[in-house]
Every structure is written in structure tokens, then in C-alpha cells.
Amino acid sequence: MHWYLEVLKQYAVFGGRSRRTEFWSFVLFHLIILIVLRIIDGFAGTSVMISTIYVLGVLLPMIAVSVRRLHDTDRSGWWLLAVFFPFLGVIVLLLFMAQDSDPKSNQYGSCPKQAII
């Protein structure tokens, strides 16, 4: 939950780098919250209104943490546009997001793992 809140605190920060832990923890909590909201939508009979409002509310932080995660692997945030290529683009992005951090400082900042050690 700590990482989820950290991402929300950096709501629209596209500069810098994010570790795998930060990105994947945010994605995990996002999916859990989304599933719970979909269940609430089903019981309340609101179609998908509550979950849609939530998704729109966290869209910008999701994009921002994704860009920072790409920066951590020494790639431009423009790689995020690969989602517009069906199937292959998503697979490529998943591989990039799963890669380990670039251990050295790069053009996007110093390694966030080194700051913890």
C-alpha cells in the first residue's frame, strides 16, 4: 500500500525513475481496487460508473509511473505508445517493465536502488 500512495503523491511527475517494486505494487493494488469497485458496481446496479470514475482518476498517475519505470530501464517514455500495437506492443512493454533497473546513472537520474542501499 505504501508504494500505491507514493505513486499517487507523485501524481503527474514524469521525470525521474521508478523501481520495479513501485510499479508492480501500484499495478497490483490498482487491480485489486478495480475488482472491488466492479463488484460494488454490480451490486449497486450502477453499471460500471464507480469503477470508470476511479480509472479516470488514476489514469495520469498510471501513465506517470509507467514513464518513470521506462526511464529506469534507460528507455524513453515514448515507448509507452507501443500499447497501440495490438498484442506485440503490450508484450514488449511487459518485458520492459519486468527488466531490472539500469544500475548506473542515466539521463533520467540516478539508480533508485542505490539510494536505498
PDB file of N, CA and C in Angstrom:
ATOM      1  N   MET A   1       0.820  -1.195   0.000  1.00  0.00           N
ATOM      2  CA  MET A   1       0.000   0.000   0.000  1.00  0.00           C
ATOM      3  C   MET A   1       0.861   1.255   0.000  1.00  0.00           C
ATOM      4  N   HIS A   2       2.058   1.142   0.614  1.00  0.00           N
ATOM      5  CA  HIS A   2       2.981   2.280   0.660  1.00  0.00           C
ATOM      6  C   HIS A   2       3.320   2.767  -0.746  1.00  0.00           C
ATOM      7  N   TRP A   3       3.633   1.817  -1.630  1.00  0.00           N
ATOM      8  CA  TRP A   3       4.032   2.193  -2.995  1.00  0.00           C
ATOM      9  C   TRP A   3       2.866   2.795  -3.754  1.00  0.00           C
ATOM     10  N   TYR A   4       1.664   2.307  -3.516  1.00  0.00           N
ATOM     11  CA  TYR A   4       0.477   2.837  -4.183  1.00  0.00           C
ATOM     12  C   TYR A   4       0.306   4.317  -3.824  1.00  0.00           C
ATOM     13  N   LEU A   5       0.431   4.616  -2.551  1.00  0.00           N
ATOM     14  CA  LEU A   5       0.289   6.001  -2.103  1.00  0.00           C
ATOM     15  C   LEU A   5       1.434   6.882  -2.595  1.00  0.00           C
ATOM     16  N   GLU A   6       2.644   6.315  -2.682  1.00  0.00           N
ATOM     17  CA  GLU A   6       3.791   7.083  -3.195  1.00  0.00           C
ATOM     18  C   GLU A   6       3.563   7.505  -4.642  1.00  0.00           C
ATOM     19  N   VAL A   7       3.003   6.602  -5.430  1.00  0.00           N
ATOM     20  CA  VAL A   7       2.706   6.935  -6.825  1.00  0.00           C
ATOM     21  C   VAL A   7       1.645   8.030  -6.888  1.00  0.00           C
ATOM     22  N   LEU A   8       0.631   7.935  -6.053  1.00  0.00           N
ATOM     23  CA  LEU A   8      -0.408   8.962  -6.054  1.00  0.00           C
ATOM     24  C   LEU A   8       0.128  10.316  -5.597  1.00  0.00           C
ATOM     25  N   LYS A   9       1.129  10.307  -4.704  1.00  0.00           N
ATOM     26  CA  LYS A   9       1.744  11.571  -4.272  1.00  0.00           C
ATOM     27  C   LYS A   9       2.498  12.228  -5.423  1.00  0.00           C
ATOM     28  N   GLN A  10       3.031  11.407  -6.320  1.00  0.00           N
ATOM     29  CA  GLN A  10       3.745  11.920  -7.492  1.00  0.00           C
ATOM     30  C   GLN A  10       2.794  11.878  -8.692  1.00  0.00           C
ATOM     31  N   TYR A  11       1.630  12.442  -8.515  1.00  0.00           N
ATOM     32  CA  TYR A  11       0.501  12.324  -9.434  1.00  0.00           C
ATOM     33  C   TYR A  11       0.875  12.537 -10.899  1.00  0.00           C
ATOM     34  N   ALA A  12       1.593  13.586 -11.197  1.00  0.00           N
ATOM     35  CA  ALA A  12       1.917  13.896 -12.591  1.00  0.00           C
ATOM     36  C   ALA A  12       3.410  14.148 -12.767  1.00  0.00           C
ATOM     37  N   VAL A  13       4.234  13.407 -12.046  1.00  0.00           N
ATOM     38  CA  VAL A  13       5.689  13.552 -12.160  1.00  0.00           C
ATOM     39  C   VAL A  13       6.174  12.542 -13.199  1.00  0.00           C
ATOM     40  N   PHE A  14       6.584  13.047 -14.340  1.00  0.00           N
ATOM     41  CA  PHE A  14       7.030  12.182 -15.423  1.00  0.00           C
ATOM     42  C   PHE A  14       8.543  12.069 -15.485  1.00  0.00           C
ATOM     43  N   GLY A  15       9.250  12.878 -14.731  1.00  0.00           N
ATOM     44  CA  GLY A  15      10.709  12.828 -14.708  1.00  0.00           C
ATOM     45  C   GLY A  15      11.195  11.903 -13.614  1.00  0.00           C
ATOM     46  N   GLY A  16      12.391  11.401 -13.784  1.00  0.00           N
ATOM     47  CA  GLY A  16      12.978  10.534 -12.778  1.00  0.00           C
ATOM     48  C   GLY A  16      12.789   9.069 -13.107  1.00  0.00           C
ATOM     49  N   ARG A  17      13.002   8.234 -12.096  1.00  0.00           N
ATOM     50  CA  ARG A  17      12.976   6.793 -12.289  1.00  0.00           C
ATOM     51  C   ARG A  17      12.152   6.129 -11.196  1.00  0.00           C
ATOM     52  N   SER A  18      11.536   4.995 -11.536  1.00  0.00           N
ATOM     53  CA  SER A  18      10.761   4.205 -10.572  1.00  0.00           C
ATOM     54  C   SER A  18      11.228   2.763 -10.615  1.00  0.00           C
ATOM     55  N   ARG A  19      11.393   2.195  -9.445  1.00  0.00           N
ATOM     56  CA  ARG A  19      11.816   0.787  -9.346  1.00  0.00           C
ATOM     57  C   ARG A  19      10.695  -0.157  -9.753  1.00  0.00           C
ATOM     58  N   ARG A  20      11.068  -1.405 -10.006  1.00  0.00           N
ATOM     59  CA  ARG A  20      10.066  -2.429 -10.318  1.00  0.00           C
ATOM     60  C   ARG A  20       9.061  -2.563  -9.188  1.00  0.00           C
ATOM     61  N   THR A  21       9.562  -2.528  -7.955  1.00  0.00           N
ATOM     62  CA  THR A  21       8.692  -2.684  -6.786  1.00  0.00           C
ATOM     63  C   THR A  21       7.592  -1.621  -6.780  1.00  0.00           C
ATOM     64  N   GLU A  22       7.971  -0.392  -7.037  1.00  0.00           N
ATOM     65  CA  GLU A  22       6.993   0.695  -7.042  1.00  0.00           C
ATOM     66  C   GLU A  22       5.958   0.481  -8.138  1.00  0.00           C
ATOM     67  N   PHE A  23       6.407   0.164  -9.333  1.00  0.00           N
ATOM     68  CA  PHE A  23       5.495  -0.007 -10.460  1.00  0.00           C
ATOM     69  C   PHE A  23       4.553  -1.178 -10.251  1.00  0.00           C
ATOM     70  N   TRP A  24       5.096  -2.361  -9.950  1.00  0.00           N
ATOM     71  CA  TRP A  24       4.268  -3.554  -9.857  1.00  0.00           C
ATOM     72  C   TRP A  24       3.375  -3.538  -8.612  1.00  0.00           C
ATOM     73  N   SER A  25       3.819  -2.912  -7.532  1.00  0.00           N
ATOM     74  CA  SER A  25       2.946  -2.771  -6.357  1.00  0.00           C
ATOM     75  C   SER A  25       1.766  -1.871  -6.682  1.00  0.00           C
ATOM     76  N   PHE A  26       2.027  -0.791  -7.406  1.00  0.00           N
ATOM     77  CA  PHE A  26       0.943   0.098  -7.817  1.00  0.00           C
ATOM     78  C   PHE A  26      -0.042  -0.644  -8.710  1.00  0.00           C
ATOM     79  N   VAL A  27       0.459  -1.409  -9.674  1.00  0.00           N
ATOM     80  CA  VAL A  27      -0.414  -2.154 -10.576  1.00  0.00           C
ATOM     81  C   VAL A  27      -1.250  -3.174  -9.795  1.00  0.00           C
ATOM     82  N   LEU A  28      -0.638  -3.872  -8.851  1.00  0.00           N
ATOM     83  CA  LEU A  28      -1.356  -4.866  -8.052  1.00  0.00           C
ATOM     84  C   LEU A  28      -2.501  -4.232  -7.267  1.00  0.00           C
ATOM     85  N   PHE A  29      -2.211  -3.163  -6.522  1.00  0.00           N
ATOM     86  CA  PHE A  29      -3.259  -2.509  -5.735  1.00  0.00           C
ATOM     87  C   PHE A  29      -4.320  -1.881  -6.636  1.00  0.00           C
ATOM     88  N   HIS A  30      -3.898  -1.364  -7.777  1.00  0.00           N
ATOM     89  CA  HIS A  30      -4.844  -0.797  -8.738  1.00  0.00           C
ATOM     90  C   HIS A  30      -5.835  -1.867  -9.199  1.00  0.00           C
ATOM     91  N   LEU A  31      -5.329  -3.044  -9.539  1.00  0.00           N
ATOM     92  CA  LEU A  31      -6.211  -4.126  -9.994  1.00  0.00           C
ATOM     93  C   LEU A  31      -7.134  -4.622  -8.886  1.00  0.00           C
ATOM     94  N   ILE A  32      -6.610  -4.713  -7.658  1.00  0.00           N
ATOM     95  CA  ILE A  32      -7.447  -5.146  -6.532  1.00  0.00           C
ATOM     96  C   ILE A  32      -8.583  -4.149  -6.297  1.00  0.00           C
ATOM     97  N   ILE A  33      -8.241  -2.873  -6.273  1.00  0.00           N
ATOM     98  CA  ILE A  33      -9.259  -1.834  -6.068  1.00  0.00           C
ATOM     99  C   ILE A  33     -10.268  -1.857  -7.211  1.00  0.00           C
ATOM    100  N   LEU A  34      -9.794  -2.040  -8.433  1.00  0.00           N
ATOM    101  CA  LEU A  34     -10.686  -2.067  -9.589  1.00  0.00           C
ATOM    102  C   LEU A  34     -11.662  -3.242  -9.515  1.00  0.00           C
ATOM    103  N   ILE A  35     -11.179  -4.405  -9.120  1.00  0.00           N
ATOM    104  CA  ILE A  35     -12.055  -5.574  -8.989  1.00  0.00           C
ATOM    105  C   ILE A  35     -13.116  -5.342  -7.918  1.00  0.00           C
ATOM    106  N   VAL A  36     -12.702  -4.786  -6.777  1.00  0.00           N
ATOM    107  CA  VAL A  36     -13.660  -4.499  -5.698  1.00  0.00           C
ATOM    108  C   VAL A  36     -14.706  -3.488  -6.169  1.00  0.00           C
ATOM    109  N   LEU A  37     -14.270  -2.458  -6.887  1.00  0.00           N
ATOM    110  CA  LEU A  37     -15.219  -1.454  -7.374  1.00  0.00           C
ATOM    111  C   LEU A  37     -16.170  -2.035  -8.413  1.00  0.00           C
ATOM    112  N   ARG A  38     -15.691  -2.953  -9.234  1.00  0.00           N
ATOM    113  CA  ARG A  38     -16.568  -3.601 -10.218  1.00  0.00           C
ATOM    114  C   ARG A  38     -17.631  -4.444  -9.518  1.00  0.00           C
ATOM    115  N   ILE A  39     -17.225  -5.112  -8.434  1.00  0.00           N
ATOM    116  CA  ILE A  39     -18.195  -5.894  -7.663  1.00  0.00           C
ATOM    117  C   ILE A  39     -19.230  -4.972  -7.032  1.00  0.00           C
ATOM    118  N   ILE A  40     -18.774  -3.854  -6.473  1.00  0.00           N
ATOM    119  CA  ILE A  40     -19.699  -2.869  -5.898  1.00  0.00           C
ATOM    120  C   ILE A  40     -20.630  -2.328  -6.977  1.00  0.00           C
ATOM    121  N   ASP A  41     -20.076  -2.037  -8.164  1.00  0.00           N
ATOM    122  CA  ASP A  41     -20.909  -1.578  -9.282  1.00  0.00           C
ATOM    123  C   ASP A  41     -21.992  -2.598  -9.610  1.00  0.00           C
ATOM    124  N   GLY A  42     -21.627  -3.873  -9.597  1.00  0.00           N
ATOM    125  CA  GLY A  42     -22.597  -4.924  -9.905  1.00  0.00           C
ATOM    126  C   GLY A  42     -23.721  -4.997  -8.898  1.00  0.00           C
ATOM    127  N   PHE A  43     -23.373  -4.923  -7.615  1.00  0.00           N
ATOM    128  CA  PHE A  43     -24.395  -4.986  -6.579  1.00  0.00           C
ATOM    129  C   PHE A  43     -25.240  -3.720  -6.526  1.00  0.00           C
ATOM    130  N   ALA A  44     -24.625  -2.580  -6.797  1.00  0.00           N
ATOM    131  CA  ALA A  44     -25.354  -1.314  -6.725  1.00  0.00           C
ATOM    132  C   ALA A  44     -26.180  -1.057  -7.984  1.00  0.00           C
ATOM    133  N   GLY A  45     -25.907  -1.809  -9.040  1.00  0.00           N
ATOM    134  CA  GLY A  45     -26.644  -1.612 -10.284  1.00  0.00           C
ATOM    135  C   GLY A  45     -26.263  -0.347 -11.012  1.00  0.00           C
ATOM    136  N   THR A  46     -25.036   0.123 -10.786  1.00  0.00           N
ATOM    137  CA  THR A  46     -24.580   1.367 -11.413  1.00  0.00           C
ATOM    138  C   THR A  46     -23.774   1.098 -12.674  1.00  0.00           C
ATOM    139  N   SER A  47     -23.979  -0.072 -13.274  1.00  0.00           N
ATOM    140  CA  SER A  47     -23.213  -0.473 -14.457  1.00  0.00           C
ATOM    141  C   SER A  47     -21.735  -0.465 -14.082  1.00  0.00           C
ATOM    142  N   VAL A  48     -20.942   0.386 -14.690  1.00  0.00           N
ATOM    143  CA  VAL A  48     -19.518   0.468 -14.330  1.00  0.00           C
ATOM    144  C   VAL A  48     -19.143   1.914 -14.003  1.00  0.00           C
ATOM    145  N   MET A  49     -20.089   2.667 -13.482  1.00  0.00           N
ATOM    146  CA  MET A  49     -19.865   4.090 -13.249  1.00  0.00           C
ATOM    147  C   MET A  49     -18.789   4.352 -12.185  1.00  0.00           C
ATOM    148  N   ILE A  50     -18.857   3.690 -11.056  1.00  0.00           N
ATOM    149  CA  ILE A  50     -17.900   3.940  -9.973  1.00  0.00           C
ATOM    150  C   ILE A  50     -16.495   3.539 -10.396  1.00  0.00           C
ATOM    151  N   SER A  51     -16.364   2.370 -11.014  1.00  0.00           N
ATOM    152  CA  SER A  51     -15.039   1.910 -11.433  1.00  0.00           C
ATOM    153  C   SER A  51     -14.478   2.777 -12.562  1.00  0.00           C
ATOM    154  N   THR A  52     -15.331   3.278 -13.433  1.00  0.00           N
ATOM    155  CA  THR A  52     -14.865   4.154 -14.512  1.00  0.00           C
ATOM    156  C   THR A  52     -14.335   5.466 -13.952  1.00  0.00           C
ATOM    157  N   ILE A  53     -15.021   6.021 -12.967  1.00  0.00           N
ATOM    158  CA  ILE A  53     -14.540   7.257 -12.330  1.00  0.00           C
ATOM    159  C   ILE A  53     -13.184   7.012 -11.676  1.00  0.00           C
ATOM    160  N   TYR A  54     -13.026   5.867 -11.011  1.00  0.00           N
ATOM    161  CA  TYR A  54     -11.740   5.521 -10.392  1.00  0.00           C
ATOM    162  C   TYR A  54     -10.640   5.401 -11.442  1.00  0.00           C
ATOM    163  N   VAL A  55     -10.920   4.701 -12.533  1.00  0.00           N
ATOM    164  CA  VAL A  55      -9.909   4.505 -13.583  1.00  0.00           C
ATOM    165  C   VAL A  55      -9.488   5.845 -14.176  1.00  0.00           C
ATOM    166  N   LEU A  56     -10.436   6.720 -14.418  1.00  0.00           N
ATOM    167  CA  LEU A  56     -10.102   8.048 -14.947  1.00  0.00           C
ATOM    168  C   LEU A  56      -9.292   8.855 -13.936  1.00  0.00           C
ATOM    169  N   GLY A  57      -9.572   8.658 -12.646  1.00  0.00           N
ATOM    170  CA  GLY A  57      -8.849   9.379 -11.603  1.00  0.00           C
ATOM    171  C   GLY A  57      -7.397   8.956 -11.466  1.00  0.00           C
ATOM    172  N   VAL A  58      -7.111   7.697 -11.730  1.00  0.00           N
ATOM    173  CA  VAL A  58      -5.729   7.218 -11.579  1.00  0.00           C
ATOM    174  C   VAL A  58      -5.034   7.008 -12.925  1.00  0.00           C
ATOM    175  N   LEU A  59      -5.656   7.467 -14.005  1.00  0.00           N
ATOM    176  CA  LEU A  59      -5.043   7.319 -15.326  1.00  0.00           C
ATOM    177  C   LEU A  59      -3.717   8.075 -15.423  1.00  0.00           C
ATOM    178  N   LEU A  60      -3.699   9.314 -14.988  1.00  0.00           N
ATOM    179  CA  LEU A  60      -2.473  10.108 -15.061  1.00  0.00           C
ATOM    180  C   LEU A  60      -1.358   9.536 -14.182  1.00  0.00           C
ATOM    181  N   PRO A  61      -1.630   9.137 -12.927  1.00  0.00           N
ATOM    182  CA  PRO A  61      -0.562   8.506 -12.146  1.00  0.00           C
ATOM    183  C   PRO A  61      -0.069   7.199 -12.773  1.00  0.00           C
ATOM    184  N   MET A  62      -0.965   6.439 -13.399  1.00  0.00           N
ATOM    185  CA  MET A  62      -0.552   5.191 -14.050  1.00  0.00           C
ATOM    186  C   MET A  62       0.388   5.477 -15.216  1.00  0.00           C
ATOM    187  N   ILE A  63       0.070   6.474 -16.000  1.00  0.00           N
ATOM    188  CA  ILE A  63       0.942   6.844 -17.116  1.00  0.00           C
ATOM    189  C   ILE A  63       2.272   7.356 -16.582  1.00  0.00           C
ATOM    190  N   ALA A  64       2.229   8.187 -15.536  1.00  0.00           N
ATOM    191  CA  ALA A  64       3.453   8.763 -14.977  1.00  0.00           C
ATOM    192  C   ALA A  64       4.380   7.687 -14.416  1.00  0.00           C
ATOM    193  N   VAL A  65       3.852   6.736 -13.653  1.00  0.00           N
ATOM    194  CA  VAL A  65       4.706   5.691 -13.083  1.00  0.00           C
ATOM    195  C   VAL A  65       5.228   4.776 -14.187  1.00  0.00           C
ATOM    196  N   SER A  66       4.465   4.580 -15.245  1.00  0.00           N
ATOM    197  CA  SER A  66       4.922   3.771 -16.373  1.00  0.00           C
ATOM    198  C   SER A  66       6.085   4.453 -17.099  1.00  0.00           C
ATOM    199  N   VAL A  67       5.963   5.756 -17.286  1.00  0.00           N
ATOM    200  CA  VAL A  67       7.057   6.504 -17.924  1.00  0.00           C
ATOM    201  C   VAL A  67       8.304   6.455 -17.050  1.00  0.00           C
ATOM    202  N   ARG A  68       8.142   6.659 -15.747  1.00  0.00           N
ATOM    203  CA  ARG A  68       9.308   6.599 -14.852  1.00  0.00           C
ATOM    204  C   ARG A  68       9.924   5.205 -14.837  1.00  0.00           C
ATOM    205  N   ARG A  69       9.087   4.165 -14.952  1.00  0.00           N
ATOM    206  CA  ARG A  69       9.607   2.785 -14.999  1.00  0.00           C
ATOM    207  C   ARG A  69      10.417   2.568 -16.279  1.00  0.00           C
ATOM    208  N   LEU A  70       9.936   3.091 -17.394  1.00  0.00           N
ATOM    209  CA  LEU A  70      10.702   3.009 -18.638  1.00  0.00           C
ATOM    210  C   LEU A  70      12.015   3.768 -18.510  1.00  0.00           C
ATOM    211  N   HIS A  71      11.988   4.917 -17.854  1.00  0.00           N
ATOM    212  CA  HIS A  71      13.219   5.672 -17.616  1.00  0.00           C
ATOM    213  C   HIS A  71      14.214   4.849 -16.804  1.00  0.00           C
ATOM    214  N   ASP A  72      13.711   4.058 -15.872  1.00  0.00           N
ATOM    215  CA  ASP A  72      14.591   3.251 -15.028  1.00  0.00           C
ATOM    216  C   ASP A  72      15.328   2.192 -15.830  1.00  0.00           C
ATOM    217  N   THR A  73      14.747   1.769 -16.948  1.00  0.00           N
ATOM    218  CA  THR A  73      15.416   0.805 -17.817  1.00  0.00           C
ATOM    219  C   THR A  73      16.144   1.508 -18.955  1.00  0.00           C
ATOM    220  N   ASP A  74      16.338   2.817 -18.822  1.00  0.00           N
ATOM    221  CA  ASP A  74      17.045   3.667 -19.789  1.00  0.00           C
ATOM    222  C   ASP A  74      16.341   3.712 -21.142  1.00  0.00           C
ATOM    223  N   ARG A  75      15.019   3.818 -21.084  1.00  0.00           N
ATOM    224  CA  ARG A  75      14.229   3.964 -22.302  1.00  0.00           C
ATOM    225  C   ARG A  75      13.363   5.219 -22.186  1.00  0.00           C
ATOM    226  N   SER A  76      13.045   5.767 -23.317  1.00  0.00           N
ATOM    227  CA  SER A  76      12.203   6.950 -23.366  1.00  0.00           C
ATOM    228  C   SER A  76      10.766   6.586 -22.990  1.00  0.00           C
ATOM    229  N   GLY A  77      10.065   7.537 -22.422  1.00  0.00           N
ATOM    230  CA  GLY A  77       8.658   7.333 -22.096  1.00  0.00           C
ATOM    231  C   GLY A  77       7.788   7.179 -23.328  1.00  0.00           C
ATOM    232  N   TRP A  78       8.300   7.573 -24.478  1.00  0.00           N
ATOM    233  CA  TRP A  78       7.554   7.426 -25.717  1.00  0.00           C
ATOM    234  C   TRP A  78       7.291   5.957 -26.055  1.00  0.00           C
ATOM    235  N   TRP A  79       8.062   5.037 -25.458  1.00  0.00           N
ATOM    236  CA  TRP A  79       7.815   3.615 -25.662  1.00  0.00           C
ATOM    237  C   TRP A  79       6.427   3.217 -25.182  1.00  0.00           C
ATOM    238  N   LEU A  80       5.844   4.012 -24.327  1.00  0.00           N
ATOM    239  CA  LEU A  80       4.504   3.713 -23.818  1.00  0.00           C
ATOM    240  C   LEU A  80       3.469   3.681 -24.952  1.00  0.00           C
ATOM    241  N   LEU A  81       3.761   4.356 -26.035  1.00  0.00           N
ATOM    242  CA  LEU A  81       2.848   4.353 -27.178  1.00  0.00           C
ATOM    243  C   LEU A  81       2.789   2.992 -27.866  1.00  0.00           C
ATOM    244  N   ALA A  82       3.644   2.067 -27.471  1.00  0.00           N
ATOM    245  CA  ALA A  82       3.622   0.716 -28.045  1.00  0.00           C
ATOM    246  C   ALA A  82       2.318  -0.008 -27.736  1.00  0.00           C
ATOM    247  N   VAL A  83       1.553   0.458 -26.738  1.00  0.00           N
ATOM    248  CA  VAL A  83       0.273  -0.191 -26.425  1.00  0.00           C
ATOM    249  C   VAL A  83      -0.706  -0.091 -27.587  1.00  0.00           C
ATOM    250  N   PHE A  84      -0.470   0.823 -28.510  1.00  0.00           N
ATOM    251  CA  PHE A  84      -1.359   0.972 -29.655  1.00  0.00           C
ATOM    252  C   PHE A  84      -1.105  -0.083 -30.732  1.00  0.00           C
ATOM    253  N   PHE A  85      -0.064  -0.898 -30.553  1.00  0.00           N
ATOM    254  CA  PHE A  85       0.173  -2.031 -31.439  1.00  0.00           C
ATOM    255  C   PHE A  85      -0.373  -3.269 -30.739  1.00  0.00           C
ATOM    256  N   PRO A  86      -1.484  -3.774 -31.209  1.00  0.00           N
ATOM    257  CA  PRO A  86      -2.141  -4.878 -30.507  1.00  0.00           C
ATOM    258  C   PRO A  86      -1.205  -6.054 -30.254  1.00  0.00           C
ATOM    259  N   PHE A  87      -1.345  -6.624 -29.100  1.00  0.00           N
ATOM    260  CA  PHE A  87      -0.648  -7.816 -28.632  1.00  0.00           C
ATOM    261  C   PHE A  87       0.869  -7.623 -28.546  1.00  0.00           C
ATOM    262  N   LEU A  88       1.545  -7.395 -29.662  1.00  0.00           N
ATOM    263  CA  LEU A  88       3.003  -7.297 -29.659  1.00  0.00           C
ATOM    264  C   LEU A  88       3.480  -6.111 -28.820  1.00  0.00           C
ATOM    265  N   GLY A  89       2.821  -4.971 -28.932  1.00  0.00           N
ATOM    266  CA  GLY A  89       3.219  -3.799 -28.167  1.00  0.00           C
ATOM    267  C   GLY A  89       3.079  -4.017 -26.676  1.00  0.00           C
ATOM    268  N   VAL A  90       2.011  -4.669 -26.272  1.00  0.00           N
ATOM    269  CA  VAL A  90       1.786  -4.945 -24.847  1.00  0.00           C
ATOM    270  C   VAL A  90       2.842  -5.920 -24.330  1.00  0.00           C
ATOM    271  N   ILE A  91       3.174  -6.936 -25.118  1.00  0.00           N
ATOM    272  CA  ILE A  91       4.197  -7.910 -24.720  1.00  0.00           C
ATOM    273  C   ILE A  91       5.542  -7.219 -24.552  1.00  0.00           C
ATOM    274  N   VAL A  92       5.902  -6.365 -25.496  1.00  0.00           N
ATOM    275  CA  VAL A  92       7.178  -5.637 -25.415  1.00  0.00           C
ATOM    276  C   VAL A  92       7.210  -4.770 -24.165  1.00  0.00           C
ATOM    277  N   LEU A  93       6.120  -4.061 -23.887  1.00  0.00           N
ATOM    278  CA  LEU A  93       6.076  -3.208 -22.694  1.00  0.00           C
ATOM    279  C   LEU A  93       6.162  -4.025 -21.415  1.00  0.00           C
ATOM    280  N   LEU A  94       5.495  -5.158 -21.365  1.00  0.00           N
ATOM    281  CA  LEU A  94       5.589  -6.023 -20.184  1.00  0.00           C
ATOM    282  C   LEU A  94       7.029  -6.490 -19.960  1.00  0.00           C
ATOM    283  N   LEU A  95       7.718  -6.812 -21.027  1.00  0.00           N
ATOM    284  CA  LEU A  95       9.127  -7.207 -20.904  1.00  0.00           C
ATOM    285  C   LEU A  95       9.978  -6.050 -20.387  1.00  0.00           C
ATOM    286  N   PHE A  96       9.737  -4.859 -20.903  1.00  0.00           N
ATOM    287  CA  PHE A  96      10.490  -3.683 -20.441  1.00  0.00           C
ATOM    288  C   PHE A  96      10.215  -3.404 -18.966  1.00  0.00           C
ATOM    289  N   MET A  97       8.943  -3.512 -18.565  1.00  0.00           N
ATOM    290  CA  MET A  97       8.577  -3.217 -17.176  1.00  0.00           C
ATOM    291  C   MET A  97       9.128  -4.263 -16.208  1.00  0.00           C
ATOM    292  N   ALA A  98       9.357  -5.476 -16.698  1.00  0.00           N
ATOM    293  CA  ALA A  98       9.856  -6.553 -15.840  1.00  0.00           C
ATOM    294  C   ALA A  98      11.378  -6.560 -15.729  1.00  0.00           C
ATOM    295  N   GLN A  99      12.058  -5.821 -16.587  1.00  0.00           N
ATOM    296  CA  GLN A  99      13.522  -5.794 -16.550  1.00  0.00           C
ATOM    297  C   GLN A  99      14.034  -5.103 -15.298  1.00  0.00           C
ATOM    298  N   ASP A 100      15.246  -5.500 -14.922  1.00  0.00           N
ATOM    299  CA  ASP A 100      15.889  -4.884 -13.769  1.00  0.00           C
ATOM    300  C   ASP A 100      16.300  -3.455 -14.106  1.00  0.00           C
ATOM    301  N   SER A 101      16.523  -2.668 -13.077  1.00  0.00           N
ATOM    302  CA  SER A 101      16.940  -1.278 -13.243  1.00  0.00           C
ATOM    303  C   SER A 101      18.314  -1.201 -13.887  1.00  0.00           C
ATOM    304  N   ASP A 102      18.541  -0.105 -14.595  1.00  0.00           N
ATOM    305  CA  ASP A 102      19.874   0.194 -15.092  1.00  0.00           C
ATOM    306  C   ASP A 102      20.701   0.577 -13.864  1.00  0.00           C
ATOM    307  N   PRO A 103      21.760  -0.180 -13.532  1.00  0.00           N
ATOM    308  CA  PRO A 103      22.469   0.054 -12.271  1.00  0.00           C
ATOM    309  C   PRO A 103      23.234   1.375 -12.213  1.00  0.00           C
ATOM    310  N   LYS A 104      23.510   1.946 -13.359  1.00  0.00           N
ATOM    311  CA  LYS A 104      24.255   3.207 -13.380  1.00  0.00           C
ATOM    312  C   LYS A 104      23.285   4.380 -13.521  1.00  0.00           C
ATOM    313  N   SER A 105      23.784   5.539 -13.236  1.00  0.00           N
ATOM    314  CA  SER A 105      23.002   6.741 -13.504  1.00  0.00           C
ATOM    315  C   SER A 105      22.821   6.862 -15.010  1.00  0.00           C
ATOM    316  N   ASN A 106      21.649   7.310 -15.418  1.00  0.00           N
ATOM    317  CA  ASN A 106      21.426   7.547 -16.839  1.00  0.00           C
ATOM    318  C   ASN A 106      20.877   8.954 -17.014  1.00  0.00           C
ATOM    319  N   GLN A 107      20.437   9.267 -18.205  1.00  0.00           N
ATOM    320  CA  GLN A 107      19.965  10.622 -18.486  1.00  0.00           C
ATOM    321  C   GLN A 107      18.714  11.005 -17.693  1.00  0.00           C
ATOM    322  N   TYR A 108      18.067  10.012 -17.060  1.00  0.00           N
ATOM    323  CA  TYR A 108      16.845  10.277 -16.314  1.00  0.00           C
ATOM    324  C   TYR A 108      17.076  10.388 -14.809  1.00  0.00           C
ATOM    325  N   GLY A 109      18.304  10.143 -14.360  1.00  0.00           N
ATOM    326  CA  GLY A 109      18.609  10.274 -12.946  1.00  0.00           C
ATOM    327  C   GLY A 109      19.447   9.118 -12.438  1.00  0.00           C
ATOM    328  N   SER A 110      19.686   9.133 -11.134  1.00  0.00           N
ATOM    329  CA  SER A 110      20.484   8.069 -10.530  1.00  0.00           C
ATOM    330  C   SER A 110      19.603   6.859 -10.242  1.00  0.00           C
ATOM    331  N   CYS A 111      20.235   5.727 -10.057  1.00  0.00           N
ATOM    332  CA  CYS A 111      19.515   4.477  -9.827  1.00  0.00           C
ATOM    333  C   CYS A 111      18.777   4.542  -8.483  1.00  0.00           C
ATOM    334  N   PRO A 112      17.469   4.314  -8.470  1.00  0.00           N
ATOM    335  CA  PRO A 112      16.718   4.380  -7.209  1.00  0.00           C
ATOM    336  C   PRO A 112      17.108   3.272  -6.241  1.00  0.00           C
ATOM    337  N   LYS A 113      17.644   2.167  -6.738  1.00  0.00           N
ATOM    338  CA  LYS A 113      18.097   1.094  -5.849  1.00  0.00           C
ATOM    339  C   LYS A 113      19.306   1.546  -5.040  1.00  0.00           C
ATOM    340  N   GLN A 114      20.193   2.309  -5.658  1.00  0.00           N
ATOM    341  CA  GLN A 114      21.391   2.780  -4.982  1.00  0.00           C
ATOM    342  C   GLN A 114      21.045   3.748  -3.868  1.00  0.00           C
ATOM    343  N   ALA A 115      19.961   4.470  -4.001  1.00  0.00           N
ATOM    344  CA  ALA A 115      19.560   5.426  -2.967  1.00  0.00           C
ATOM    345  C   ALA A 115      19.122   4.708  -1.699  1.00  0.00           C
ATOM    346  N   ILE A 116      18.610   3.489  -1.842  1.00  0.00           N
ATOM    347  CA  ILE A 116      18.136   2.733  -0.686  1.00  0.00           C
ATOM    348  C   ILE A 116      19.283   2.045   0.018  1.00  0.00           C
ATOM    349  N   ILE A 117      20.266   1.582  -0.732  1.00  0.00           N
ATOM    350  CA  ILE A 117      21.386   0.841  -0.155  1.00  0.00           C
ATOM    351  C   ILE A 117      22.296   1.700   0.607  1.00  0.00           C
TER     352      ILE A 117
END
